[in-house]
Amino acid sequence: MSDPKSRFGTPPSAEDIAGLAERAFAAIPARLARHIENCGISVEEMPDDETLRDLGIESPWDLTGLYTGIPLTQRSVEDIARQPDLIFLYRQPILLEWVETDEDLYRLVRNVLVHEIAHHFGFSDDDIAALEAEME
């Protein structure tokens, strides 16, 4: 069996990561997917300094993804208009983790995406682990 990393002649691009994220998003169980609307996915090279400062993260390599928005558990029918929810996937930290762990890149992107979507639902770490196992 060939090394999955060898199919990329160069490091996977932002478009490659976005394609894997779209594939992973399509694999989310229907019972959850129907509740995810107006949630975009953006692939960025690295988290910015302001984001790192706001989260109290020292190294940009420690952040592979971020959900921004109001989790469903904190919304109200009385909310005023708000910005759409957005999930950021950070390409370079994802690629570093990919190289360091030898994890399948699709699975890694999927797990980051699922983890961030789970924040949308206000899931606990145990809930997230169960969701990831369901998608195996």
N, C-alpha and C. Protein backbone atom coordinates (compact mmCIF):
# COMPACT_ATOMS: atom_id res chain seq x y z
N MET A 1 0.85 -1.17 0.00
CA MET A 1 0.00 0.00 0.00
C MET A 1 0.90 1.24 0.00
N SER A 2 0.55 2.23 -0.80
CA SER A 2 1.41 3.40 -0.90
C SER A 2 1.14 4.36 0.26
N ASP A 3 2.15 5.16 0.55
CA ASP A 3 2.06 6.17 1.60
C ASP A 3 1.08 7.25 1.15
N PRO A 4 0.03 7.57 1.96
CA PRO A 4 -0.94 8.58 1.54
C PRO A 4 -0.31 9.94 1.31
N LYS A 5 0.81 10.22 1.97
CA LYS A 5 1.48 11.51 1.78
C LYS A 5 2.09 11.61 0.38
N SER A 6 2.42 10.46 -0.22
CA SER A 6 3.09 10.49 -1.51
C SER A 6 2.17 10.92 -2.65
N ARG A 7 0.86 10.95 -2.44
CA ARG A 7 -0.04 11.37 -3.52
C ARG A 7 0.03 12.87 -3.73
N PHE A 8 0.61 13.59 -2.76
CA PHE A 8 0.79 15.03 -2.90
C PHE A 8 2.25 15.27 -3.28
N GLY A 9 2.50 15.85 -4.46
CA GLY A 9 3.86 16.17 -4.87
C GLY A 9 4.40 17.37 -4.10
N THR A 10 3.50 18.22 -3.68
CA THR A 10 3.84 19.38 -2.86
C THR A 10 2.91 19.34 -1.65
N PRO A 11 3.18 20.15 -0.65
CA PRO A 11 2.26 20.15 0.50
C PRO A 11 0.83 20.45 0.03
N PRO A 12 -0.16 19.79 0.61
CA PRO A 12 -1.55 20.05 0.24
C PRO A 12 -1.88 21.54 0.37
N SER A 13 -2.57 22.03 -0.62
CA SER A 13 -2.94 23.45 -0.67
C SER A 13 -4.17 23.73 0.18
N ALA A 14 -4.49 25.00 0.30
CA ALA A 14 -5.73 25.40 0.97
C ALA A 14 -6.92 24.77 0.26
N GLU A 15 -6.86 24.70 -1.06
CA GLU A 15 -7.95 24.09 -1.83
C GLU A 15 -8.07 22.60 -1.53
N ASP A 16 -6.93 21.92 -1.36
CA ASP A 16 -6.95 20.50 -0.99
C ASP A 16 -7.62 20.31 0.37
N ILE A 17 -7.24 21.15 1.33
CA ILE A 17 -7.82 21.06 2.67
C ILE A 17 -9.31 21.36 2.61
N ALA A 18 -9.70 22.38 1.84
CA ALA A 18 -11.12 22.73 1.70
C ALA A 18 -11.90 21.57 1.09
N GLY A 19 -11.32 20.89 0.10
CA GLY A 19 -11.98 19.74 -0.51
C GLY A 19 -12.19 18.62 0.49
N LEU A 20 -11.19 18.35 1.31
CA LEU A 20 -11.33 17.33 2.35
C LEU A 20 -12.38 17.74 3.37
N ALA A 21 -12.41 19.03 3.71
CA ALA A 21 -13.41 19.52 4.66
C ALA A 21 -14.82 19.39 4.09
N GLU A 22 -14.99 19.69 2.82
CA GLU A 22 -16.31 19.54 2.20
C GLU A 22 -16.75 18.08 2.21
N ARG A 23 -15.82 17.18 1.92
CA ARG A 23 -16.12 15.75 1.97
C ARG A 23 -16.50 15.33 3.38
N ALA A 24 -15.78 15.82 4.37
CA ALA A 24 -16.07 15.50 5.77
C ALA A 24 -17.41 16.10 6.19
N PHE A 25 -17.69 17.31 5.76
CA PHE A 25 -18.95 17.97 6.10
C PHE A 25 -20.13 17.15 5.55
N ALA A 26 -19.95 16.61 4.35
CA ALA A 26 -21.01 15.80 3.73
C ALA A 26 -21.22 14.48 4.48
N ALA A 27 -20.23 14.03 5.25
CA ALA A 27 -20.33 12.77 5.99
C ALA A 27 -20.90 12.94 7.39
N ILE A 28 -21.20 14.17 7.78
CA ILE A 28 -21.76 14.39 9.12
C ILE A 28 -23.14 13.74 9.17
N PRO A 29 -23.43 13.02 10.25
CA PRO A 29 -24.74 12.36 10.35
C PRO A 29 -25.89 13.35 10.10
N ALA A 30 -26.89 12.89 9.36
CA ALA A 30 -28.02 13.74 8.95
C ALA A 30 -28.73 14.37 10.14
N ARG A 31 -28.78 13.67 11.27
CA ARG A 31 -29.48 14.21 12.44
C ARG A 31 -28.82 15.49 12.94
N LEU A 32 -27.53 15.69 12.62
CA LEU A 32 -26.85 16.92 12.99
C LEU A 32 -26.77 17.89 11.82
N ALA A 33 -26.49 17.36 10.66
CA ALA A 33 -26.29 18.21 9.48
C ALA A 33 -27.49 19.10 9.20
N ARG A 34 -28.68 18.60 9.45
CA ARG A 34 -29.87 19.41 9.15
C ARG A 34 -29.98 20.64 10.05
N HIS A 35 -29.23 20.67 11.14
CA HIS A 35 -29.26 21.80 12.05
C HIS A 35 -28.13 22.81 11.78
N ILE A 36 -27.26 22.46 10.84
CA ILE A 36 -26.14 23.34 10.54
C ILE A 36 -26.48 24.12 9.28
N GLU A 37 -26.84 25.36 9.50
CA GLU A 37 -27.15 26.21 8.35
C GLU A 37 -26.40 27.51 8.52
N ASN A 38 -26.10 28.10 7.41
CA ASN A 38 -25.35 29.37 7.43
C ASN A 38 -24.03 29.25 8.18
N CYS A 39 -23.40 28.12 8.07
CA CYS A 39 -22.09 27.91 8.70
C CYS A 39 -21.08 27.71 7.57
N GLY A 40 -20.16 28.64 7.44
CA GLY A 40 -19.17 28.55 6.39
C GLY A 40 -17.89 27.92 6.88
N ILE A 41 -17.07 27.52 5.93
CA ILE A 41 -15.75 26.96 6.23
C ILE A 41 -14.73 27.80 5.49
N SER A 42 -13.72 28.26 6.21
CA SER A 42 -12.65 29.04 5.62
C SER A 42 -11.32 28.39 5.96
N VAL A 43 -10.49 28.15 4.97
CA VAL A 43 -9.16 27.61 5.21
C VAL A 43 -8.17 28.77 5.14
N GLU A 44 -7.49 28.98 6.25
CA GLU A 44 -6.49 30.04 6.37
C GLU A 44 -5.13 29.38 6.58
N GLU A 45 -4.07 30.08 6.26
CA GLU A 45 -2.73 29.52 6.46
C GLU A 45 -2.41 29.32 7.94
N MET A 46 -2.60 30.38 8.72
CA MET A 46 -2.26 30.36 10.15
C MET A 46 -3.27 31.22 10.90
N PRO A 47 -3.48 30.93 12.19
CA PRO A 47 -4.32 31.84 12.98
C PRO A 47 -3.60 33.18 13.15
N ASP A 48 -4.39 34.25 13.22
CA ASP A 48 -3.77 35.57 13.38
C ASP A 48 -3.45 35.84 14.84
N ASP A 49 -2.62 36.86 15.06
CA ASP A 49 -2.16 37.20 16.41
C ASP A 49 -3.32 37.55 17.34
N GLU A 50 -4.30 38.27 16.83
CA GLU A 50 -5.44 38.67 17.67
C GLU A 50 -6.22 37.44 18.16
N THR A 51 -6.44 36.48 17.28
CA THR A 51 -7.14 35.25 17.66
C THR A 51 -6.36 34.50 18.72
N LEU A 52 -5.07 34.37 18.52
CA LEU A 52 -4.23 33.67 19.50
C LEU A 52 -4.26 34.38 20.84
N ARG A 53 -4.17 35.69 20.81
CA ARG A 53 -4.20 36.48 22.05
C ARG A 53 -5.55 36.30 22.76
N ASP A 54 -6.65 36.39 21.99
CA ASP A 54 -7.99 36.24 22.57
C ASP A 54 -8.19 34.87 23.22
N LEU A 55 -7.59 33.84 22.64
CA LEU A 55 -7.75 32.48 23.14
C LEU A 55 -6.68 32.11 24.18
N GLY A 56 -5.69 32.97 24.36
CA GLY A 56 -4.63 32.68 25.31
C GLY A 56 -3.70 31.58 24.83
N ILE A 57 -3.53 31.49 23.52
CA ILE A 57 -2.66 30.47 22.93
C ILE A 57 -1.35 31.12 22.53
N GLU A 58 -0.24 30.56 23.00
CA GLU A 58 1.06 31.16 22.71
C GLU A 58 1.59 30.82 21.33
N SER A 59 1.45 29.58 20.92
CA SER A 59 2.01 29.16 19.64
C SER A 59 0.92 28.99 18.59
N PRO A 60 1.08 29.60 17.43
CA PRO A 60 0.08 29.43 16.37
C PRO A 60 -0.01 27.99 15.87
N TRP A 61 1.01 27.19 16.16
CA TRP A 61 1.01 25.79 15.71
C TRP A 61 0.07 24.93 16.56
N ASP A 62 -0.41 25.47 17.67
CA ASP A 62 -1.29 24.72 18.57
C ASP A 62 -2.76 24.84 18.21
N LEU A 63 -3.10 25.64 17.21
CA LEU A 63 -4.50 25.85 16.85
C LEU A 63 -4.73 25.37 15.42
N THR A 64 -5.49 24.28 15.27
CA THR A 64 -5.77 23.74 13.94
C THR A 64 -7.13 24.18 13.40
N GLY A 65 -8.02 24.59 14.30
CA GLY A 65 -9.35 25.01 13.86
C GLY A 65 -10.01 25.88 14.89
N LEU A 66 -11.03 26.63 14.45
CA LEU A 66 -11.74 27.53 15.35
C LEU A 66 -13.16 27.73 14.85
N TYR A 67 -14.11 27.58 15.75
CA TYR A 67 -15.52 27.90 15.46
C TYR A 67 -15.78 29.31 15.95
N THR A 68 -16.35 30.14 15.12
CA THR A 68 -16.78 31.47 15.55
C THR A 68 -18.28 31.58 15.30
N GLY A 69 -18.96 32.08 16.27
CA GLY A 69 -20.41 32.21 16.17
C GLY A 69 -21.03 31.98 17.53
N ILE A 70 -22.33 31.90 17.55
CA ILE A 70 -23.05 31.67 18.80
C ILE A 70 -23.53 30.21 18.79
N PRO A 71 -23.04 29.39 19.74
CA PRO A 71 -23.48 27.99 19.78
C PRO A 71 -25.00 27.90 19.90
N LEU A 72 -25.57 26.86 19.35
CA LEU A 72 -27.02 26.67 19.38
C LEU A 72 -27.57 26.70 20.80
N THR A 73 -26.78 26.21 21.74
CA THR A 73 -27.23 26.15 23.14
C THR A 73 -27.32 27.53 23.78
N GLN A 74 -26.77 28.55 23.11
CA GLN A 74 -26.79 29.90 23.68
C GLN A 74 -27.64 30.87 22.87
N ARG A 75 -28.38 30.36 21.90
CA ARG A 75 -29.20 31.24 21.06
C ARG A 75 -30.59 31.41 21.64
N SER A 76 -31.21 32.51 21.23
CA SER A 76 -32.56 32.81 21.67
C SER A 76 -33.36 33.35 20.49
N VAL A 77 -34.66 33.15 20.52
CA VAL A 77 -35.51 33.70 19.46
C VAL A 77 -35.50 35.22 19.52
N GLU A 78 -35.05 35.78 20.62
CA GLU A 78 -34.99 37.23 20.78
C GLU A 78 -33.67 37.83 20.28
N ASP A 79 -32.76 36.97 19.79
CA ASP A 79 -31.48 37.47 19.29
C ASP A 79 -31.70 38.43 18.13
N ILE A 80 -30.85 39.45 18.09
CA ILE A 80 -30.88 40.35 16.94
C ILE A 80 -30.09 39.69 15.81
N ALA A 81 -30.14 40.27 14.63
CA ALA A 81 -29.40 39.73 13.50
C ALA A 81 -27.93 39.57 13.88
N ARG A 82 -27.31 38.51 13.42
CA ARG A 82 -25.92 38.23 13.78
C ARG A 82 -25.15 37.78 12.55
N GLN A 83 -23.85 37.77 12.69
CA GLN A 83 -22.98 37.29 11.62
C GLN A 83 -23.16 35.78 11.47
N PRO A 84 -22.99 35.26 10.26
CA PRO A 84 -23.07 33.80 10.10
C PRO A 84 -21.95 33.10 10.87
N ASP A 85 -22.21 31.87 11.28
CA ASP A 85 -21.18 31.07 11.94
C ASP A 85 -20.11 30.72 10.92
N LEU A 86 -18.89 30.58 11.40
CA LEU A 86 -17.78 30.28 10.51
C LEU A 86 -16.81 29.34 11.22
N ILE A 87 -16.33 28.36 10.49
CA ILE A 87 -15.30 27.46 10.99
C ILE A 87 -14.03 27.75 10.20
N PHE A 88 -12.98 28.06 10.95
CA PHE A 88 -11.68 28.27 10.34
C PHE A 88 -10.87 26.99 10.50
N LEU A 89 -10.25 26.56 9.42
CA LEU A 89 -9.29 25.47 9.45
C LEU A 89 -7.94 26.09 9.11
N TYR A 90 -6.95 25.84 9.95
CA TYR A 90 -5.64 26.45 9.76
C TYR A 90 -4.69 25.45 9.10
N ARG A 91 -4.40 25.70 7.83
CA ARG A 91 -3.68 24.77 6.97
C ARG A 91 -2.32 24.36 7.53
N GLN A 92 -1.46 25.30 7.85
CA GLN A 92 -0.11 24.94 8.27
C GLN A 92 -0.09 24.14 9.57
N PRO A 93 -0.84 24.52 10.61
CA PRO A 93 -0.86 23.67 11.81
C PRO A 93 -1.46 22.28 11.55
N ILE A 94 -2.44 22.20 10.66
CA ILE A 94 -3.00 20.89 10.30
C ILE A 94 -1.92 20.04 9.62
N LEU A 95 -1.18 20.66 8.69
CA LEU A 95 -0.13 19.90 7.99
C LEU A 95 0.98 19.47 8.94
N LEU A 96 1.32 20.32 9.91
CA LEU A 96 2.33 19.95 10.89
C LEU A 96 1.85 18.74 11.70
N GLU A 97 0.62 18.78 12.16
CA GLU A 97 0.08 17.64 12.92
C GLU A 97 0.05 16.39 12.04
N TRP A 98 -0.30 16.55 10.79
CA TRP A 98 -0.34 15.44 9.84
C TRP A 98 1.02 14.77 9.73
N VAL A 99 2.06 15.58 9.58
CA VAL A 99 3.41 15.05 9.45
C VAL A 99 3.88 14.42 10.76
N GLU A 100 3.59 15.09 11.88
CA GLU A 100 4.05 14.60 13.18
C GLU A 100 3.35 13.33 13.63
N THR A 101 2.07 13.18 13.29
CA THR A 101 1.30 12.04 13.80
C THR A 101 1.15 10.92 12.78
N ASP A 102 1.43 11.21 11.52
CA ASP A 102 1.25 10.25 10.44
C ASP A 102 -0.21 9.83 10.28
N GLU A 103 -1.12 10.67 10.77
CA GLU A 103 -2.57 10.45 10.65
C GLU A 103 -2.97 10.65 9.19
N ASP A 104 -3.98 9.94 8.75
CA ASP A 104 -4.55 10.16 7.43
C ASP A 104 -5.06 11.60 7.35
N LEU A 105 -4.72 12.32 6.29
CA LEU A 105 -5.05 13.74 6.21
C LEU A 105 -6.56 13.97 6.21
N TYR A 106 -7.31 13.15 5.49
CA TYR A 106 -8.77 13.31 5.49
C TYR A 106 -9.31 13.14 6.91
N ARG A 107 -8.85 12.12 7.60
CA ARG A 107 -9.33 11.86 8.96
C ARG A 107 -8.97 13.01 9.90
N LEU A 108 -7.78 13.55 9.74
CA LEU A 108 -7.36 14.67 10.57
C LEU A 108 -8.23 15.90 10.31
N VAL A 109 -8.43 16.24 9.05
CA VAL A 109 -9.28 17.39 8.71
C VAL A 109 -10.70 17.14 9.21
N ARG A 110 -11.19 15.93 9.02
CA ARG A 110 -12.53 15.58 9.50
C ARG A 110 -12.66 15.78 11.01
N ASN A 111 -11.66 15.32 11.75
CA ASN A 111 -11.72 15.43 13.20
C ASN A 111 -11.68 16.89 13.65
N VAL A 112 -10.86 17.71 12.99
CA VAL A 112 -10.83 19.14 13.33
C VAL A 112 -12.18 19.76 13.02
N LEU A 113 -12.73 19.45 11.85
CA LEU A 113 -14.03 20.00 11.45
C LEU A 113 -15.13 19.56 12.43
N VAL A 114 -15.17 18.29 12.75
CA VAL A 114 -16.19 17.76 13.67
C VAL A 114 -16.05 18.42 15.03
N HIS A 115 -14.83 18.57 15.49
CA HIS A 115 -14.61 19.21 16.79
C HIS A 115 -15.17 20.64 16.78
N GLU A 116 -14.93 21.37 15.71
CA GLU A 116 -15.42 22.75 15.64
C GLU A 116 -16.93 22.80 15.47
N ILE A 117 -17.51 21.90 14.69
CA ILE A 117 -18.97 21.84 14.55
C ILE A 117 -19.60 21.49 15.89
N ALA A 118 -18.94 20.62 16.64
CA ALA A 118 -19.46 20.24 17.95
C ALA A 118 -19.57 21.46 18.87
N HIS A 119 -18.64 22.41 18.71
CA HIS A 119 -18.75 23.65 19.49
C HIS A 119 -20.03 24.39 19.13
N HIS A 120 -20.44 24.31 17.87
CA HIS A 120 -21.69 24.92 17.40
C HIS A 120 -22.88 24.39 18.19
N PHE A 121 -22.80 23.11 18.56
CA PHE A 121 -23.88 22.46 19.31
C PHE A 121 -23.66 22.49 20.81
N GLY A 122 -22.52 23.00 21.26
CA GLY A 122 -22.24 23.03 22.68
C GLY A 122 -21.91 21.65 23.24
N PHE A 123 -21.35 20.75 22.42
CA PHE A 123 -21.04 19.38 22.85
C PHE A 123 -19.89 19.35 23.85
N SER A 124 -19.91 18.34 24.70
CA SER A 124 -18.80 18.06 25.61
C SER A 124 -17.73 17.26 24.84
N ASP A 125 -16.56 17.10 25.44
CA ASP A 125 -15.50 16.30 24.81
C ASP A 125 -15.96 14.87 24.60
N ASP A 126 -16.72 14.29 25.55
CA ASP A 126 -17.23 12.93 25.39
C ASP A 126 -18.21 12.84 24.21
N ASP A 127 -19.06 13.86 24.06
CA ASP A 127 -20.00 13.91 22.93
C ASP A 127 -19.23 13.96 21.61
N ILE A 128 -18.16 14.74 21.59
CA ILE A 128 -17.35 14.88 20.37
C ILE A 128 -16.71 13.55 20.02
N ALA A 129 -16.16 12.86 21.00
CA ALA A 129 -15.53 11.56 20.76
C ALA A 129 -16.56 10.56 20.22
N ALA A 130 -17.77 10.57 20.75
CA ALA A 130 -18.82 9.67 20.29
C ALA A 130 -19.21 10.00 18.84
N LEU A 131 -19.29 11.27 18.51
CA LEU A 131 -19.62 11.68 17.14
C LEU A 131 -18.53 11.24 16.17
N GLU A 132 -17.28 11.44 16.53
CA GLU A 132 -16.17 11.02 15.67
C GLU A 132 -16.21 9.51 15.46
N ALA A 133 -16.50 8.75 16.51
CA ALA A 133 -16.58 7.29 16.39
C ALA A 133 -17.74 6.88 15.49
N GLU A 134 -18.84 7.62 15.55
CA GLU A 134 -20.00 7.33 14.70
C GLU A 134 -19.67 7.51 13.21
N MET A 135 -18.73 8.40 12.93
CA MET A 135 -18.39 8.70 11.54
C MET A 135 -17.32 7.76 10.98
N GLU A 136 -16.79 6.86 11.78
CA GLU A 136 -15.75 5.92 11.31
C GLU A 136 -16.26 5.04 10.22
